[in-house]
Each structure stands twice: as C-alpha cells, then as structure tokens.
PDB file of all heavy atoms in Angstrom:
ATOM      1  N   GLY A   1      25.523  -9.218  61.000  1.00  0.00           N
ATOM      2  CA  GLY A   1      25.010  -9.469  62.369  1.00  0.00           C
ATOM      3  C   GLY A   1      23.623  -9.435  62.515  1.00  0.00           C
ATOM      4  O   GLY A   1      22.873 -10.181  63.213  1.00  0.00           O
ATOM      5  N   ALA A   2      23.083  -8.254  62.139  1.00  0.00           N
ATOM      6  CA  ALA A   2      21.606  -8.030  62.273  1.00  0.00           C
ATOM      7  C   ALA A   2      20.801  -9.085  61.614  1.00  0.00           C
ATOM      8  O   ALA A   2      19.767  -9.508  62.035  1.00  0.00           O
ATOM      9  CB  ALA A   2      21.388  -6.579  61.816  1.00  0.00           C
ATOM     10  N   ILE A   3      21.110  -9.203  60.225  1.00  0.00           N
ATOM     11  CA  ILE A   3      20.313 -10.114  59.405  1.00  0.00           C
ATOM     12  C   ILE A   3      20.328 -11.593  59.998  1.00  0.00           C
ATOM     13  O   ILE A   3      19.301 -12.247  60.075  1.00  0.00           O
ATOM     14  CB  ILE A   3      20.844 -10.143  57.965  1.00  0.00           C
ATOM     15  CG1 ILE A   3      20.544  -8.796  57.445  1.00  0.00           C
ATOM     16  CG2 ILE A   3      20.088 -11.230  57.087  1.00  0.00           C
ATOM     17  CD1 ILE A   3      20.975  -8.690  55.928  1.00  0.00           C
ATOM     18  N   ILE A   4      21.560 -12.147  60.238  1.00  0.00           N
ATOM     19  CA  ILE A   4      21.641 -13.565  60.733  1.00  0.00           C
ATOM     20  C   ILE A   4      20.960 -13.585  62.087  1.00  0.00           C
ATOM     21  O   ILE A   4      20.225 -14.648  62.318  1.00  0.00           O
ATOM     22  CB  ILE A   4      23.174 -13.907  60.808  1.00  0.00           C
ATOM     23  CG1 ILE A   4      23.711 -14.002  59.395  1.00  0.00           C
ATOM     24  CG2 ILE A   4      23.249 -15.350  61.548  1.00  0.00           C
ATOM     25  CD1 ILE A   4      25.279 -14.292  59.461  1.00  0.00           C
ATOM     26  N   GLY A   5      21.109 -12.701  62.941  1.00  0.00           N
ATOM     27  CA  GLY A   5      20.390 -12.719  64.326  1.00  0.00           C
ATOM     28  C   GLY A   5      18.939 -12.656  64.127  1.00  0.00           C
ATOM     29  O   GLY A   5      18.079 -13.331  64.975  1.00  0.00           O
ATOM     30  N   LEU A   6      18.468 -11.984  63.219  1.00  0.00           N
ATOM     31  CA  LEU A   6      16.937 -11.786  62.952  1.00  0.00           C
ATOM     32  C   LEU A   6      16.347 -12.935  62.280  1.00  0.00           C
ATOM     33  O   LEU A   6      15.193 -13.362  62.705  1.00  0.00           O
ATOM     34  CB  LEU A   6      16.715 -10.484  62.226  1.00  0.00           C
ATOM     35  CG  LEU A   6      15.322 -10.026  62.112  1.00  0.00           C
ATOM     36  CD1 LEU A   6      14.658  -9.840  63.461  1.00  0.00           C
ATOM     37  CD2 LEU A   6      15.237  -8.745  61.305  1.00  0.00           C
ATOM     38  N   TYR A   7      16.951 -13.449  61.206  1.00  0.00           N
ATOM     39  CA  TYR A   7      16.350 -14.429  60.375  1.00  0.00           C
ATOM     40  C   TYR A   7      16.757 -15.868  60.439  1.00  0.00           C
ATOM     41  O   TYR A   7      16.045 -16.882  60.288  1.00  0.00           O
ATOM     42  CB  TYR A   7      16.459 -13.999  58.904  1.00  0.00           C
ATOM     43  CG  TYR A   7      15.696 -12.785  58.533  1.00  0.00           C
ATOM     44  CD1 TYR A   7      16.386 -11.516  58.422  1.00  0.00           C
ATOM     45  CD2 TYR A   7      14.298 -12.765  58.368  1.00  0.00           C
ATOM     46  CE1 TYR A   7      15.687 -10.354  58.097  1.00  0.00           C
ATOM     47  CE2 TYR A   7      13.593 -11.659  58.124  1.00  0.00           C
ATOM     48  CZ  TYR A   7      14.328 -10.365  57.929  1.00  0.00           C
ATOM     49  OH  TYR A   7      13.566  -9.323  57.677  1.00  0.00           O
ATOM     50  N   PHE A   8      18.021 -16.049  60.941  1.00  0.00           N
ATOM     51  CA  PHE A   8      18.709 -17.421  60.942  1.00  0.00           C
ATOM     52  C   PHE A   8      18.770 -17.932  62.408  1.00  0.00           C
ATOM     53  O   PHE A   8      18.817 -19.169  62.564  1.00  0.00           O
ATOM     54  CB  PHE A   8      20.048 -17.492  60.194  1.00  0.00           C
ATOM     55  CG  PHE A   8      19.804 -17.232  58.685  1.00  0.00           C
ATOM     56  CD1 PHE A   8      19.893 -15.951  58.160  1.00  0.00           C
ATOM     57  CD2 PHE A   8      19.610 -18.344  58.015  1.00  0.00           C
ATOM     58  CE1 PHE A   8      19.706 -15.694  56.841  1.00  0.00           C
ATOM     59  CE2 PHE A   8      19.439 -18.095  56.481  1.00  0.00           C
ATOM     60  CZ  PHE A   8      19.464 -16.866  55.973  1.00  0.00           C
ATOM     61  N   LEU A   9      18.964 -17.024  63.353  1.00  0.00           N
ATOM     62  CA  LEU A   9      19.077 -17.370  64.765  1.00  0.00           C
ATOM     63  C   LEU A   9      18.075 -16.620  65.650  1.00  0.00           C
ATOM     64  O   LEU A   9      18.486 -15.992  66.539  1.00  0.00           O
ATOM     65  CB  LEU A   9      20.475 -17.120  65.262  1.00  0.00           C
ATOM     66  CG  LEU A   9      21.737 -17.782  64.483  1.00  0.00           C
ATOM     67  CD1 LEU A   9      23.035 -17.335  64.935  1.00  0.00           C
ATOM     68  CD2 LEU A   9      21.536 -19.353  64.684  1.00  0.00           C
ATOM     69  N   PRO A  10      16.896 -16.741  65.277  1.00  0.00           N
ATOM     70  CA  PRO A  10      15.822 -16.113  66.006  1.00  0.00           C
ATOM     71  C   PRO A  10      15.641 -16.599  67.488  1.00  0.00           C
ATOM     72  O   PRO A  10      15.580 -17.849  67.591  1.00  0.00           O
ATOM     73  CB  PRO A  10      14.566 -16.194  65.279  1.00  0.00           C
ATOM     74  CG  PRO A  10      14.782 -17.490  64.508  1.00  0.00           C
ATOM     75  CD  PRO A  10      16.252 -17.578  64.264  1.00  0.00           C
ATOM     76  N   SER A  11      15.511 -15.754  68.472  1.00  0.00           N
ATOM     77  CA  SER A  11      15.373 -16.194  69.819  1.00  0.00           C
ATOM     78  C   SER A  11      13.837 -16.195  70.081  1.00  0.00           C
ATOM     79  O   SER A  11      13.039 -15.419  69.683  1.00  0.00           O
ATOM     80  CB  SER A  11      16.064 -15.209  70.829  1.00  0.00           C
ATOM     81  OG  SER A  11      15.708 -15.456  72.148  1.00  0.00           O
ATOM     82  N   PRO A  12      13.453 -17.358  70.851  1.00  0.00           N
ATOM     83  CA  PRO A  12      12.078 -17.342  71.180  1.00  0.00           C
ATOM     84  C   PRO A  12      11.665 -16.209  72.111  1.00  0.00           C
ATOM     85  O   PRO A  12      10.436 -15.961  72.162  1.00  0.00           O
ATOM     86  CB  PRO A  12      11.899 -18.762  71.904  1.00  0.00           C
ATOM     87  CG  PRO A  12      13.266 -19.056  72.298  1.00  0.00           C
ATOM     88  CD  PRO A  12      14.152 -18.399  71.356  1.00  0.00           C
ATOM     89  N   ASN A  13      12.563 -15.598  72.793  1.00  0.00           N
ATOM     90  CA  ASN A  13      12.306 -14.439  73.636  1.00  0.00           C
ATOM     91  C   ASN A  13      12.255 -13.095  72.921  1.00  0.00           C
ATOM     92  O   ASN A  13      11.918 -12.099  73.459  1.00  0.00           O
ATOM     93  CB  ASN A  13      13.375 -14.393  74.689  1.00  0.00           C
ATOM     94  CG  ASN A  13      13.357 -15.534  75.481  1.00  0.00           C
ATOM     95  OD1 ASN A  13      12.310 -16.163  75.820  1.00  0.00           O
ATOM     96  ND2 ASN A  13      14.643 -15.942  76.050  1.00  0.00           N
ATOM     97  N   ASN A  14      12.537 -13.166  71.507  1.00  0.00           N
ATOM     98  CA  ASN A  14      12.499 -11.890  70.750  1.00  0.00           C
ATOM     99  C   ASN A  14      11.067 -11.380  70.584  1.00  0.00           C
ATOM    100  O   ASN A  14      10.105 -12.183  70.285  1.00  0.00           O
ATOM    101  CB  ASN A  14      12.996 -12.163  69.367  1.00  0.00           C
ATOM    102  CG  ASN A  14      14.608 -12.015  69.424  1.00  0.00           C
ATOM    103  OD1 ASN A  14      15.214 -11.908  70.453  1.00  0.00           O
ATOM    104  ND2 ASN A  14      15.185 -12.080  68.155  1.00  0.00           N
ATOM    105  N   THR A  15      10.917 -10.098  70.891  1.00  0.00           N
ATOM    106  CA  THR A  15       9.593  -9.452  70.795  1.00  0.00           C
ATOM    107  C   THR A  15       9.608  -8.730  69.340  1.00  0.00           C
ATOM    108  O   THR A  15      10.615  -8.621  68.776  1.00  0.00           O
ATOM    109  CB  THR A  15       9.409  -8.484  72.016  1.00  0.00           C
ATOM    110  OG1 THR A  15      10.370  -7.445  71.857  1.00  0.00           O
ATOM    111  CG2 THR A  15       9.415  -9.130  73.215  1.00  0.00           C
ATOM    112  N   HIS A  16       8.325  -8.200  69.071  1.00  0.00           N
ATOM    113  CA  HIS A  16       8.306  -7.441  67.826  1.00  0.00           C
ATOM    114  C   HIS A  16       9.211  -6.300  67.872  1.00  0.00           C
ATOM    115  O   HIS A  16       9.836  -5.783  66.855  1.00  0.00           O
ATOM    116  CB  HIS A  16       6.829  -7.056  67.524  1.00  0.00           C
ATOM    117  CG  HIS A  16       5.812  -8.250  67.284  1.00  0.00           C
ATOM    118  ND1 HIS A  16       6.225  -9.107  66.332  1.00  0.00           N
ATOM    119  CD2 HIS A  16       4.691  -8.648  67.766  1.00  0.00           C
ATOM    120  CE1 HIS A  16       5.265  -9.951  66.217  1.00  0.00           C
ATOM    121  NE2 HIS A  16       4.351  -9.712  67.132  1.00  0.00           N
ATOM    122  N   ASP A  17       9.287  -5.623  69.012  1.00  0.00           N
ATOM    123  CA  ASP A  17      10.165  -4.347  69.183  1.00  0.00           C
ATOM    124  C   ASP A  17      11.534  -4.642  68.881  1.00  0.00           C
ATOM    125  O   ASP A  17      12.162  -3.947  68.310  1.00  0.00           O
ATOM    126  CB  ASP A  17       9.982  -3.805  70.592  1.00  0.00           C
ATOM    127  CG  ASP A  17       8.535  -3.270  70.844  1.00  0.00           C
ATOM    128  OD1 ASP A  17       7.726  -3.301  69.999  1.00  0.00           O
ATOM    129  OD2 ASP A  17       8.277  -2.835  71.967  1.00  0.00           O
ATOM    130  N   LYS A  18      12.134  -5.841  69.548  1.00  0.00           N
ATOM    131  CA  LYS A  18      13.406  -6.217  69.258  1.00  0.00           C
ATOM    132  C   LYS A  18      13.672  -6.452  67.760  1.00  0.00           C
ATOM    133  O   LYS A  18      14.784  -6.051  67.174  1.00  0.00           O
ATOM    134  CB  LYS A  18      13.799  -7.387  70.164  1.00  0.00           C
ATOM    135  CG  LYS A  18      13.901  -7.108  71.573  1.00  0.00           C
ATOM    136  CD  LYS A  18      14.295  -8.457  72.253  1.00  0.00           C
ATOM    137  CE  LYS A  18      14.315  -8.104  73.837  1.00  0.00           C
ATOM    138  NZ  LYS A  18      14.786  -9.276  74.504  1.00  0.00           N
ATOM    139  N   ASN A  19      12.721  -7.109  66.991  1.00  0.00           N
ATOM    140  CA  ASN A  19      12.893  -7.388  65.615  1.00  0.00           C
ATOM    141  C   ASN A  19      12.898  -6.134  64.787  1.00  0.00           C
ATOM    142  O   ASN A  19      13.578  -5.981  63.832  1.00  0.00           O
ATOM    143  CB  ASN A  19      11.723  -8.279  65.272  1.00  0.00           C
ATOM    144  CG  ASN A  19      11.787  -9.769  65.791  1.00  0.00           C
ATOM    145  OD1 ASN A  19      12.928 -10.055  66.175  1.00  0.00           O
ATOM    146  ND2 ASN A  19      10.690 -10.372  65.800  1.00  0.00           N
ATOM    147  N   ILE A  20      12.091  -5.160  65.159  1.00  0.00           N
ATOM    148  CA  ILE A  20      12.043  -3.881  64.472  1.00  0.00           C
ATOM    149  C   ILE A  20      13.361  -3.087  64.767  1.00  0.00           C
ATOM    150  O   ILE A  20      13.942  -2.577  63.692  1.00  0.00           O
ATOM    151  CB  ILE A  20      10.915  -2.987  65.043  1.00  0.00           C
ATOM    152  CG1 ILE A  20       9.596  -3.575  64.597  1.00  0.00           C
ATOM    153  CG2 ILE A  20      11.004  -1.511  64.580  1.00  0.00           C
ATOM    154  CD1 ILE A  20       8.375  -2.986  65.107  1.00  0.00           C
ATOM    155  N   ILE A  21      13.943  -3.128  65.862  1.00  0.00           N
ATOM    156  CA  ILE A  21      15.230  -2.475  66.109  1.00  0.00           C
ATOM    157  C   ILE A  21      16.291  -3.122  65.387  1.00  0.00           C
ATOM    158  O   ILE A  21      17.197  -2.480  64.731  1.00  0.00           O
ATOM    159  CB  ILE A  21      15.482  -2.570  67.597  1.00  0.00           C
ATOM    160  CG1 ILE A  21      14.585  -1.643  68.382  1.00  0.00           C
ATOM    161  CG2 ILE A  21      17.027  -2.009  67.941  1.00  0.00           C
ATOM    162  CD1 ILE A  21      14.734  -1.765  69.897  1.00  0.00           C
ATOM    163  N   ALA A  22      16.347  -4.470  65.152  1.00  0.00           N
ATOM    164  CA  ALA A  22      17.327  -5.154  64.466  1.00  0.00           C
ATOM    165  C   ALA A  22      17.171  -4.791  62.926  1.00  0.00           C
ATOM    166  O   ALA A  22      18.205  -4.686  62.282  1.00  0.00           O
ATOM    167  CB  ALA A  22      17.180  -6.752  64.653  1.00  0.00           C
ATOM    168  N   SER A  23      15.986  -4.780  62.424  1.00  0.00           N
ATOM    169  CA  SER A  23      15.683  -4.393  61.129  1.00  0.00           C
ATOM    170  C   SER A  23      16.153  -2.871  60.909  1.00  0.00           C
ATOM    171  O   SER A  23      16.723  -2.683  59.673  1.00  0.00           O
ATOM    172  CB  SER A  23      14.210  -4.548  60.838  1.00  0.00           C
ATOM    173  OG  SER A  23      13.743  -5.818  60.965  1.00  0.00           O
ATOM    174  N   LEU A  24      15.997  -2.014  61.768  1.00  0.00           N
ATOM    175  CA  LEU A  24      16.472  -0.698  61.617  1.00  0.00           C
ATOM    176  C   LEU A  24      18.030  -0.631  61.463  1.00  0.00           C
ATOM    177  O   LEU A  24      18.485   0.218  60.734  1.00  0.00           O
ATOM    178  CB  LEU A  24      16.034   0.177  62.721  1.00  0.00           C
ATOM    179  CG  LEU A  24      14.490   0.591  62.919  1.00  0.00           C
ATOM    180  CD1 LEU A  24      14.290   1.284  64.295  1.00  0.00           C
ATOM    181  CD2 LEU A  24      14.241   1.528  61.729  1.00  0.00           C
ATOM    182  N   MET A  25      18.756  -1.551  62.057  1.00  0.00           N
ATOM    183  CA  MET A  25      20.088  -1.559  61.995  1.00  0.00           C
ATOM    184  C   MET A  25      20.616  -1.761  60.588  1.00  0.00           C
ATOM    185  O   MET A  25      21.590  -1.058  60.148  1.00  0.00           O
ATOM    186  CB  MET A  25      20.807  -2.663  62.867  1.00  0.00           C
ATOM    187  CG  MET A  25      20.531  -2.425  64.350  1.00  0.00           C
ATOM    188  SD  MET A  25      21.284  -0.800  64.964  1.00  0.00           S
ATOM    189  CE  MET A  25      23.008  -1.242  64.667  1.00  0.00           C
ATOM    190  N   TYR A  26      20.000  -2.728  59.783  1.00  0.00           N
ATOM    191  CA  TYR A  26      20.609  -3.014  58.551  1.00  0.00           C
ATOM    192  C   TYR A  26      19.765  -2.315  57.441  1.00  0.00           C
ATOM    193  O   TYR A  26      20.326  -2.207  56.216  1.00  0.00           O
ATOM    194  CB  TYR A  26      20.596  -4.463  58.223  1.00  0.00           C
ATOM    195  CG  TYR A  26      19.291  -5.222  58.025  1.00  0.00           C
ATOM    196  CD1 TYR A  26      18.806  -5.410  56.805  1.00  0.00           C
ATOM    197  CD2 TYR A  26      18.700  -5.833  59.087  1.00  0.00           C
ATOM    198  CE1 TYR A  26      17.597  -6.079  56.800  1.00  0.00           C
ATOM    199  CE2 TYR A  26      17.398  -6.518  58.958  1.00  0.00           C
ATOM    200  CZ  TYR A  26      16.949  -6.611  57.700  1.00  0.00           C
ATOM    201  OH  TYR A  26      15.743  -7.247  57.539  1.00  0.00           O
ATOM    202  N   THR A  27      18.635  -1.693  57.694  1.00  0.00           N
ATOM    203  CA  THR A  27      17.963  -0.991  56.643  1.00  0.00           C
ATOM    204  C   THR A  27      18.050   0.526  56.671  1.00  0.00           C
ATOM    205  O   THR A  27      18.015   1.172  55.663  1.00  0.00           O
ATOM    206  CB  THR A  27      16.362  -1.322  56.823  1.00  0.00           C
ATOM    207  OG1 THR A  27      15.936  -0.917  58.118  1.00  0.00           O
ATOM    208  CG2 THR A  27      16.090  -2.683  56.659  1.00  0.00           C
ATOM    209  N   VAL A  28      18.517   1.012  57.813  1.00  0.00           N
ATOM    210  CA  VAL A  28      18.533   2.562  58.076  1.00  0.00           C
ATOM    211  C   VAL A  28      20.019   2.806  58.379  1.00  0.00           C
ATOM    212  O   VAL A  28      20.667   3.736  57.796  1.00  0.00           O
ATOM    213  CB  VAL A  28      17.578   2.991  59.046  1.00  0.00           C
ATOM    214  CG1 VAL A  28      17.796   4.461  59.134  1.00  0.00           C
ATOM    215  CG2 VAL A  28      16.182   2.679  58.595  1.00  0.00           C
ATOM    216  N   VAL A  29      20.422   2.208  59.532  1.00  0.00           N
ATOM    217  CA  VAL A  29      21.773   2.663  60.075  1.00  0.00           C
ATOM    218  C   VAL A  29      22.981   2.290  59.091  1.00  0.00           C
ATOM    219  O   VAL A  29      23.786   3.166  58.840  1.00  0.00           O
ATOM    220  CB  VAL A  29      21.959   1.967  61.444  1.00  0.00           C
ATOM    221  CG1 VAL A  29      23.345   2.365  62.045  1.00  0.00           C
ATOM    222  CG2 VAL A  29      20.889   2.392  62.431  1.00  0.00           C
ATOM    223  N   THR A  30      23.047   1.088  58.595  1.00  0.00           N
ATOM    224  CA  THR A  30      24.111   0.627  57.848  1.00  0.00           C
ATOM    225  C   THR A  30      24.288   1.439  56.543  1.00  0.00           C
ATOM    226  O   THR A  30      25.371   1.980  56.233  1.00  0.00           O
ATOM    227  CB  THR A  30      24.069  -0.875  57.565  1.00  0.00           C
ATOM    228  OG1 THR A  30      24.037  -1.610  58.666  1.00  0.00           O
ATOM    229  CG2 THR A  30      25.249  -1.234  56.723  1.00  0.00           C
TER     230      THR A  30
END
C-alpha cells in the first residue's frame, strides 16, 4: 500500500512530508 501509493499512484497534492511519512511506513514500521 505504501509503495504503490508513493511510486505508482502519486498525487499531485503530495508534499515532501507526506512522501517521507509513506517511506517510513515501509522502511521502518513494516
């Protein structure tokens, strides 16, 4: 969910902060 949302379905409204939070989900939390 985190990877697809970040790299394959990026929203034009996504900020750097949102991208970092999504990255933390699959690099640290999972």
